[in-house]
Protein backbone atom coordinates (compact mmCIF):
# COMPACT_ATOMS: atom_id res chain seq x y z
CA MET A 1 45.20 120.42 103.57
CA LYS A 2 45.48 116.54 103.74
CA THR A 3 42.33 114.70 104.18
CA PHE A 4 42.59 111.34 106.19
CA ASN A 5 40.64 107.80 106.17
CA VAL A 6 39.46 108.21 109.66
CA PRO A 7 36.58 105.49 110.72
CA ALA A 8 32.98 106.87 109.73
CA PHE A 9 31.73 106.10 113.57
CA TYR A 10 33.87 109.04 114.80
CA ARG A 11 32.00 111.62 112.29
CA SER A 12 29.24 113.54 112.91
CA PRO A 13 26.52 114.16 110.13
CA LEU A 14 25.51 117.19 112.09
CA ILE A 15 28.79 118.65 113.23
CA GLN A 16 30.10 118.17 109.63
CA LYS A 17 27.56 120.24 108.37
CA VAL A 18 28.46 122.77 110.56
CA LYS A 19 32.16 122.59 109.62
CA ASP A 20 31.17 122.52 105.82
CA PHE A 21 28.94 125.58 106.36
CA ARG A 22 31.48 127.74 108.04
CA LYS A 23 34.30 126.29 105.41
CA GLN A 24 32.07 127.76 102.72
CA GLN A 25 31.54 131.09 104.33
CA ASP A 26 34.76 131.41 105.59
CA PRO A 27 37.36 129.51 103.27
CA LYS A 28 40.10 131.42 104.89
CA ARG A 29 39.62 130.70 108.28
CA ARG A 30 39.62 134.12 109.58
CA ASP A 31 36.17 134.38 111.00
CA PHE A 32 36.40 133.39 114.74
CA SER A 33 32.85 133.79 115.53
CA PRO A 34 30.90 131.07 116.80
CA SER A 35 28.00 128.92 114.98
CA VAL A 36 24.74 128.66 116.75
CA LEU A 37 22.39 125.51 116.64
CA ASP A 38 18.76 126.90 117.65
CA PHE A 39 16.41 124.00 118.83
CA GLY A 40 14.10 126.70 120.18
CA LYS A 41 14.08 125.90 123.97
CA ILE A 42 17.74 125.38 123.63
CA LYS A 43 20.69 126.96 121.78
CA TYR A 44 24.23 125.64 121.30
CA TYR A 45 26.92 127.79 120.43
CA ILE A 46 29.95 125.85 118.76
CA PRO A 47 33.23 127.31 118.53
CA ARG A 48 34.52 128.06 114.91
CA HIS A 49 37.50 125.36 115.42
CA PHE A 50 37.41 122.41 117.51
CA GLY A 51 37.76 118.48 117.08
CA PHE A 52 40.12 116.36 115.65
CA CYS A 53 43.39 118.10 114.27
CA TYR A 54 45.73 117.13 111.69
CA GLY A 55 48.02 115.19 113.85
CA VAL A 56 45.61 113.19 115.37
CA GLU A 57 43.71 112.02 112.18
CA ASN A 58 46.94 111.15 110.87
CA ALA A 59 47.64 109.09 114.11
CA ILE A 60 43.94 107.26 113.82
CA GLU A 61 44.58 106.58 110.21
CA ILE A 62 47.92 105.18 110.65
CA ALA A 63 46.58 102.71 113.77
CA PHE A 64 43.85 101.49 111.98
CA ARG A 65 46.02 100.80 108.93
CA ALA A 66 48.25 98.86 111.04
CA ILE A 67 45.49 96.70 112.50
CA ASP A 68 44.13 95.87 109.03
CA GLU A 69 47.62 95.26 107.47
CA ASN A 70 48.41 93.04 110.27
CA PRO A 71 45.77 90.60 111.18
CA ASP A 72 47.75 87.65 112.41
CA LYS A 73 50.47 89.88 114.25
CA ARG A 74 50.34 90.99 117.93
CA ILE A 75 49.99 94.68 117.92
CA PHE A 76 51.14 97.02 120.80
CA LEU A 77 51.14 100.56 121.46
CA LEU A 78 54.07 102.24 123.52
CA SER A 79 51.52 104.11 125.27
CA GLN A 80 48.21 105.73 124.69
CA MET A 81 48.07 106.83 121.21
CA ILE A 82 46.01 110.19 121.76
CA HIS A 83 44.61 111.22 124.78
CA ASN A 84 40.67 110.04 124.22
CA PRO A 85 39.43 107.04 126.34
CA GLU A 86 36.99 106.31 123.30
CA VAL A 87 39.58 106.08 120.60
CA ASN A 88 42.11 104.26 122.88
CA LYS A 89 39.24 101.68 123.81
CA ASP A 90 38.14 101.10 120.31
CA LEU A 91 41.90 100.43 119.55
CA GLN A 92 42.25 97.84 122.62
CA GLU A 93 38.75 96.17 121.33
CA ARG A 94 40.57 95.43 118.12
CA GLY A 95 43.39 93.77 119.64
CA ILE A 96 46.01 96.40 120.67
CA GLN A 97 47.80 96.22 123.81
CA PHE A 98 49.48 99.13 125.67
CA LEU A 99 53.15 98.79 126.89
CA GLN A 100 52.98 101.64 129.03
CA ASP A 101 50.44 103.82 130.48
CA THR A 102 50.19 107.64 129.78
CA TYR A 103 52.99 108.33 132.78
CA GLY A 104 55.43 105.57 131.19
CA ASN A 105 54.64 102.90 133.85
CA THR A 106 55.36 99.52 132.58
CA LEU A 107 52.07 97.42 131.78
CA ILE A 108 53.55 94.77 129.64
CA ASP A 109 57.56 94.46 130.18
CA PHE A 110 59.29 94.73 127.04
CA SER A 111 60.97 91.48 127.52
CA GLU A 112 57.76 90.02 126.20
CA LEU A 113 57.92 91.40 122.67
CA ARG A 114 59.19 88.72 120.09
CA ASP A 115 59.89 88.78 116.51
CA ASN A 116 57.04 89.88 114.08
CA ASP A 117 55.28 91.93 116.76
CA VAL A 118 54.12 95.30 115.38
CA ILE A 119 55.01 98.32 117.63
CA ILE A 120 52.94 101.70 117.06
CA ILE A 121 54.73 105.21 118.10
CA PRO A 122 51.90 107.35 119.58
CA ALA A 123 50.96 110.83 118.19
CA PHE A 124 53.01 112.57 120.93
CA GLY A 125 56.26 110.57 119.84
CA SER A 126 58.31 108.46 122.43
CA PRO A 127 61.43 109.15 124.55
CA MET A 128 64.36 108.25 122.69
CA GLU A 129 65.35 105.92 125.94
CA ILE A 130 62.15 103.75 125.07
CA LEU A 131 63.06 103.31 121.39
CA GLU A 132 66.88 102.55 122.43
CA ARG A 133 65.54 99.75 124.99
CA ILE A 134 63.32 98.05 122.22
CA LYS A 135 66.29 98.25 119.62
CA GLN A 136 68.55 96.39 122.30
CA LEU A 137 66.50 93.50 122.33
CA GLN A 138 67.33 93.01 118.67
CA LEU A 139 64.09 91.68 117.44
CA GLN A 140 62.75 91.78 114.06
CA THR A 141 59.76 94.25 115.13
CA TYR A 142 57.80 96.33 112.53
CA PHE A 143 56.95 100.10 113.33
CA TYR A 144 54.19 102.43 112.74
CA ASP A 145 55.18 106.04 113.63
CA THR A 146 52.00 108.31 114.20
CA THR A 147 54.06 111.01 115.82
CA CYS A 148 52.45 114.39 114.73
CA PRO A 149 54.57 116.26 112.41
CA PHE A 150 53.98 119.41 114.48
CA VAL A 151 55.62 117.85 117.50
CA GLU A 152 58.28 116.65 115.23
CA ARG A 153 58.63 120.22 113.98
CA VAL A 154 59.50 121.26 117.56
CA TRP A 155 62.28 118.61 117.83
CA LYS A 156 63.81 120.33 114.88
CA LYS A 157 63.52 123.67 116.36
CA ALA A 158 65.40 122.12 119.56
CA GLU A 159 68.14 120.83 117.16
CA GLN A 160 68.59 124.11 115.45
CA ILE A 161 68.65 126.08 118.41
CA GLY A 162 70.73 123.43 120.48
CA LYS A 163 73.27 123.09 117.92
CA GLN A 164 73.65 127.14 118.05
CA ASN A 165 74.80 126.75 121.51
CA TYR A 166 71.40 127.72 123.14
CA THR A 167 70.03 126.07 126.70
CA ILE A 168 66.64 124.76 125.57
CA ILE A 169 63.87 126.18 127.84
CA ILE A 170 60.68 123.66 127.53
CA HIS A 171 57.35 124.90 128.59
CA GLY A 172 55.24 121.89 129.21
CA LYS A 173 54.00 119.35 131.87
CA TYR A 174 56.90 117.27 132.94
CA LYS A 175 55.33 114.06 133.02
CA HIS A 176 53.11 114.20 129.33
CA GLU A 177 54.61 112.03 126.92
CA GLU A 178 55.18 114.75 124.59
CA THR A 179 57.22 116.82 126.64
CA ARG A 180 59.17 113.75 127.95
CA ALA A 181 59.82 112.61 124.22
CA THR A 182 60.81 116.50 123.44
CA PHE A 183 63.11 116.48 126.38
CA SER A 184 64.79 113.15 125.61
CA ARG A 185 65.56 114.80 122.17
CA SER A 186 66.44 118.33 123.21
CA LYS A 187 69.21 117.47 125.94
CA GLN A 188 71.00 115.60 122.92
CA PHE A 189 71.32 118.73 121.15
CA ASN A 190 72.24 121.04 124.02
CA HIS A 191 71.41 121.41 128.11
CA SER A 192 67.76 121.65 128.57
CA VAL A 193 65.25 122.34 131.43
CA ILE A 194 61.20 121.89 131.72
CA ILE A 195 59.21 124.66 133.20
CA ARG A 196 55.67 123.84 133.73
CA ASP A 197 54.27 127.69 133.61
CA LEU A 198 54.89 131.40 134.17
CA GLU A 199 55.39 130.87 137.75
CA GLU A 200 58.19 128.32 137.09
CA ALA A 201 59.81 130.75 134.66
CA LYS A 202 59.94 133.27 137.22
CA LEU A 203 61.48 130.86 139.40
CA LEU A 204 64.23 130.57 136.84
CA GLU A 205 64.95 134.24 137.00
CA PRO A 206 67.44 134.49 139.98
CA PHE A 207 69.47 131.47 138.77
CA ILE A 208 70.02 133.09 135.30
CA LEU A 209 71.00 136.18 136.77
CA GLU A 210 73.14 134.14 139.01
CA GLN A 211 71.42 135.61 142.52
CA LYS A 212 70.99 131.75 143.63
CA SER A 213 73.23 128.88 143.74
CA GLN A 214 73.56 125.50 141.82
CA GLN A 215 72.31 123.84 144.96
CA GLU A 216 69.26 125.69 144.87
CA PHE A 217 68.65 125.24 141.10
CA GLU A 218 68.75 121.68 141.55
CA LEU A 219 66.55 121.38 144.33
CA ALA A 220 63.77 123.76 142.61
CA PHE A 221 63.92 121.83 139.40
CA LYS A 222 64.71 118.30 140.42
CA GLU A 223 64.47 115.78 137.52
CA LYS A 224 63.65 118.42 135.29
CA PHE A 225 67.04 119.42 133.76
CA SER A 226 69.68 117.75 131.70
CA GLU A 227 72.68 116.03 133.51
CA GLY A 228 75.58 118.24 134.22
CA PHE A 229 73.61 121.57 133.89
CA ASN A 230 75.55 124.39 135.34
CA ILE A 231 73.69 127.58 135.73
CA HIS A 232 76.92 129.80 135.38
CA GLN A 233 77.32 128.45 131.79
CA HIS A 234 74.13 127.39 130.51
CA PHE A 235 71.85 130.47 130.89
CA GLN A 236 74.12 132.73 128.78
CA ARG A 237 72.07 131.85 125.72
CA ILE A 238 68.51 130.56 125.84
CA GLY A 239 65.54 129.86 123.60
CA VAL A 240 61.92 128.56 124.52
CA ILE A 241 60.09 125.86 122.67
CA ASN A 242 56.79 124.29 123.92
CA GLN A 243 54.84 121.18 124.29
CA THR A 244 52.33 121.90 121.38
CA THR A 245 49.16 121.55 123.46
CA MET A 246 50.07 123.98 126.10
CA LEU A 247 48.24 127.38 126.16
CA ALA A 248 49.65 129.21 123.48
CA THR A 249 49.21 132.77 125.20
CA GLU A 250 51.24 131.45 128.31
CA THR A 251 54.00 130.18 125.99
CA GLU A 252 54.25 133.71 124.40
CA GLU A 253 54.19 135.30 127.90
CA ILE A 254 57.01 132.99 129.22
CA SER A 255 59.20 133.92 126.05
CA HIS A 256 58.59 137.49 126.70
CA TYR A 257 59.44 137.22 130.21
CA LEU A 258 62.74 135.47 129.98
CA LYS A 259 63.90 137.76 127.02
CA GLU A 260 63.25 140.63 129.64
CA VAL A 261 65.34 138.72 132.13
CA MET A 262 68.14 138.25 129.45
CA ILE A 263 67.94 142.08 128.52
CA LYS A 264 68.21 142.58 131.98
CA LYS A 265 71.39 140.75 132.23
CA TYR A 266 72.84 141.59 128.87
CA GLY A 267 71.40 144.68 127.51
CA SER A 268 68.63 144.97 124.97
CA GLU A 269 71.78 145.78 122.26
CA ASN A 270 73.11 142.30 122.95
CA ILE A 271 69.64 140.22 123.21
CA LYS A 272 70.06 138.64 119.87
CA ASP A 273 73.23 137.06 121.29
CA HIS A 274 71.36 135.73 124.28
CA PHE A 275 67.93 134.68 123.19
CA ALA A 276 66.76 132.77 120.19
CA ASP A 277 63.59 133.30 118.46
CA THR A 278 61.31 130.15 118.57
CA HIS A 279 57.69 131.64 118.30
CA ASP A 280 56.90 129.25 115.30
CA THR A 281 56.93 126.13 117.68
CA LEU A 282 53.28 126.88 118.53
CA CYS A 283 50.84 124.18 117.01
CA TYR A 284 48.31 125.85 114.61
CA ALA A 285 45.48 123.67 115.96
CA THR A 286 46.10 124.82 119.52
CA ASN A 287 46.30 128.28 118.58
CA GLU A 288 43.12 128.03 116.38
CA ASN A 289 41.26 126.20 119.14
CA GLN A 290 42.09 128.32 121.84
CA THR A 291 41.34 131.33 119.91
CA SER A 292 38.04 130.24 119.08
CA VAL A 293 37.12 129.50 122.65
CA LEU A 294 38.22 133.01 123.40
CA HIS A 295 35.60 134.45 121.10
CA LEU A 296 33.08 132.40 123.05
CA LEU A 297 33.58 134.29 126.04
CA ASN A 298 31.57 137.10 124.22
CA THR A 299 28.66 135.29 124.17
CA ASP A 300 25.68 135.29 126.75
CA ALA A 301 25.84 131.24 127.18
CA ASP A 302 24.61 130.06 130.82
CA LEU A 303 27.27 127.31 130.79
CA ALA A 304 29.76 125.57 129.02
CA ILE A 305 30.23 121.71 128.29
CA VAL A 306 33.60 120.58 127.06
CA VAL A 307 34.22 116.98 125.95
CA GLY A 308 37.53 115.21 126.02
CA GLY A 309 39.77 112.92 127.74
CA TYR A 310 40.77 114.01 131.51
CA ASN A 311 44.48 113.48 130.65
CA SER A 312 44.37 115.64 127.60
CA SER A 313 46.30 118.80 127.88
CA ASN A 314 44.81 120.54 125.00
CA THR A 315 41.35 120.04 126.21
CA SER A 316 41.86 120.92 130.06
CA HIS A 317 43.33 124.44 128.59
CA LEU A 318 40.23 124.78 126.62
CA VAL A 319 38.22 124.15 130.25
CA GLU A 320 40.48 126.70 131.76
CA LEU A 321 39.74 129.31 129.35
CA LEU A 322 35.98 128.69 129.37
CA GLN A 323 35.63 128.49 133.45
CA THR A 324 36.84 132.20 133.61
CA LYS A 325 33.30 133.06 132.58
CA PHE A 326 30.87 130.19 132.96
CA PRO A 327 30.10 127.36 134.71
CA THR A 328 32.00 124.68 132.89
CA TYR A 329 31.26 120.90 132.96
CA PHE A 330 34.24 118.76 131.46
CA ILE A 331 32.89 115.33 130.63
CA SER A 332 34.57 112.27 128.81
CA SER A 333 31.04 111.25 126.83
CA ALA A 334 27.34 111.77 126.77
CA ASN A 335 27.20 109.12 129.45
CA GLU A 336 28.08 111.52 132.06
CA ILE A 337 25.02 113.58 131.47
CA ILE A 338 23.04 111.50 134.12
CA SER A 339 19.52 113.14 133.83
CA ALA A 340 18.11 116.81 133.06
CA ASP A 341 19.06 117.66 136.80
CA LYS A 342 22.46 116.19 137.25
CA ILE A 343 25.91 115.71 135.40
CA ARG A 344 28.90 114.03 136.29
CA HIS A 345 32.22 115.87 135.61
CA PHE A 346 35.91 115.99 136.06
CA ASN A 347 37.03 119.13 138.30
CA LEU A 348 40.73 120.25 137.23
CA GLU A 349 41.34 121.55 140.39
CA THR A 350 40.97 118.52 142.50
CA LYS A 351 41.42 116.00 139.60
CA GLU A 352 38.23 114.17 141.02
CA ILE A 353 35.01 113.21 139.27
CA VAL A 354 32.48 115.17 140.84
CA GLU A 355 28.49 115.36 140.43
CA THR A 356 26.71 118.79 140.14
CA ILE A 357 22.86 118.96 140.91
CA ASN A 358 20.56 121.66 138.66
CA PHE A 359 23.25 122.15 136.24
CA LEU A 360 20.88 123.39 133.64
CA PRO A 361 19.20 126.44 134.38
CA ASP A 362 15.54 126.82 134.79
CA LYS A 363 14.68 129.14 131.81
CA GLU A 364 12.62 129.44 128.78
CA GLU A 365 15.81 129.36 126.58
CA VAL A 366 18.95 127.88 127.60
CA LYS A 367 22.31 128.81 125.83
CA ILE A 368 25.04 126.04 126.08
CA ILE A 369 28.59 126.29 124.74
CA ILE A 370 29.74 123.04 123.51
CA THR A 371 33.49 122.22 122.31
CA GLY A 372 35.76 119.21 122.24
CA GLY A 373 39.47 118.84 122.53
CA ALA A 374 41.85 117.98 119.74
CA SER A 375 41.35 114.25 120.19
CA CYS A 376 37.77 114.29 120.46
CA PRO A 377 35.70 112.73 117.98
CA ASP A 378 32.67 114.78 116.41
CA ALA A 379 30.32 111.86 116.89
CA LEU A 380 30.85 112.67 120.86
CA LEU A 381 29.57 115.96 120.62
CA GLU A 382 26.71 115.20 118.68
CA GLN A 383 25.77 112.53 121.16
CA VAL A 384 25.78 115.14 123.92
CA ILE A 385 23.66 117.32 121.96
CA GLN A 386 20.94 114.47 121.35
CA ARG A 387 21.49 113.67 125.23
CA ILE A 388 20.50 116.99 126.25
CA ASN A 389 17.69 117.58 123.46
CA GLY A 390 16.45 114.07 124.65
CA LEU A 391 16.40 114.81 128.26
CA LEU A 392 14.62 118.09 127.68
CA ASN A 393 11.99 116.43 125.03
CA ILE A 394 13.31 118.31 122.29
CA LYS A 395 12.93 116.87 118.84
CA PHE A 396 16.35 116.36 117.32
CA GLU A 397 16.57 117.65 113.69
CA ASN A 398 19.65 116.80 111.72
CA SER A 399 19.62 119.25 109.32
CA ILE A 400 21.68 122.55 108.43
CA ASN A 401 18.32 124.22 108.96
CA VAL A 402 18.99 124.60 112.49
CA LEU A 403 22.29 126.58 111.89
CA ILE A 404 22.42 130.39 112.29
């Protein structure tokens, strides 16, 4: 796989040694068992796959190249390049300005753009409407496109099935940049509707089976369907694609569920004419990271720490998987570990920052799962390990010898 020129300060000597060790042991990436860093009083369980994915490294390389190549120009990002506060802060400190926030709200009006400005398209892509607005300004701007190739692959699948007269069902978070970018394209190829999860897929069933009215559909899925959507016409042939950072297992559940609904309506002998095969829109990194975390559930760890941006979709799904078994703390950096007794972390359910006392158990040997999202620099994981070891007065040995 291609290697990228990512700034050294995002790398971690310790984590890289772990990755190199596993790559040597398992070059075909088939062993999903975790690695263990043993410091005596404390053990860290590290998943087989985690951290920067192909798309993120590609985006970071392009963004930093844009900075180097345009020292005298103003540089703007359409929105957050990736969902990691440390990376976005680094870019801002180097002079990059954000035109919009992560939800598409205006931070700098597009009318302030001028000739020779540089514009970076984030890794999630950008809605077509945004690109069209910039085009209408008729400025001589310079674009750097960091869109993830795996996101573009989803767009190509949407185009393929859309042109075959399949209505496109998008499994994604409606306000997420990637889903908005995908929806803006899919509705150009055919009618589209966004569903958040399996529960919303179930809400579609009575509309597909024409057991509920058009008016009820428009109320239930307000702002989540393409203009002119007609439940009597546009649920005759459907296909499912996804936001690449969603839970892969849930996308598969949704696809299977909706296929069964179409079988109920048209019969199994006719299903190929009414349901598109779209399994290949799942991102490899999302699959590998989630599968690796599922293998962590087999450990006897005391707790889990997940590092990443709080608005990161792929990271939040890792938290959801781990908290089914372990006390799980979602943090943005090592600074959230206030002391050996206190940690500040993000609660996924309440969407609030909370503090937990005595998060480290009082044991002779503490076992901690540690992982990061696809937009989390390895350096942040090493900093968390260093922070905890320092608070417990454990000598930090930056050596592969601590790897079991």
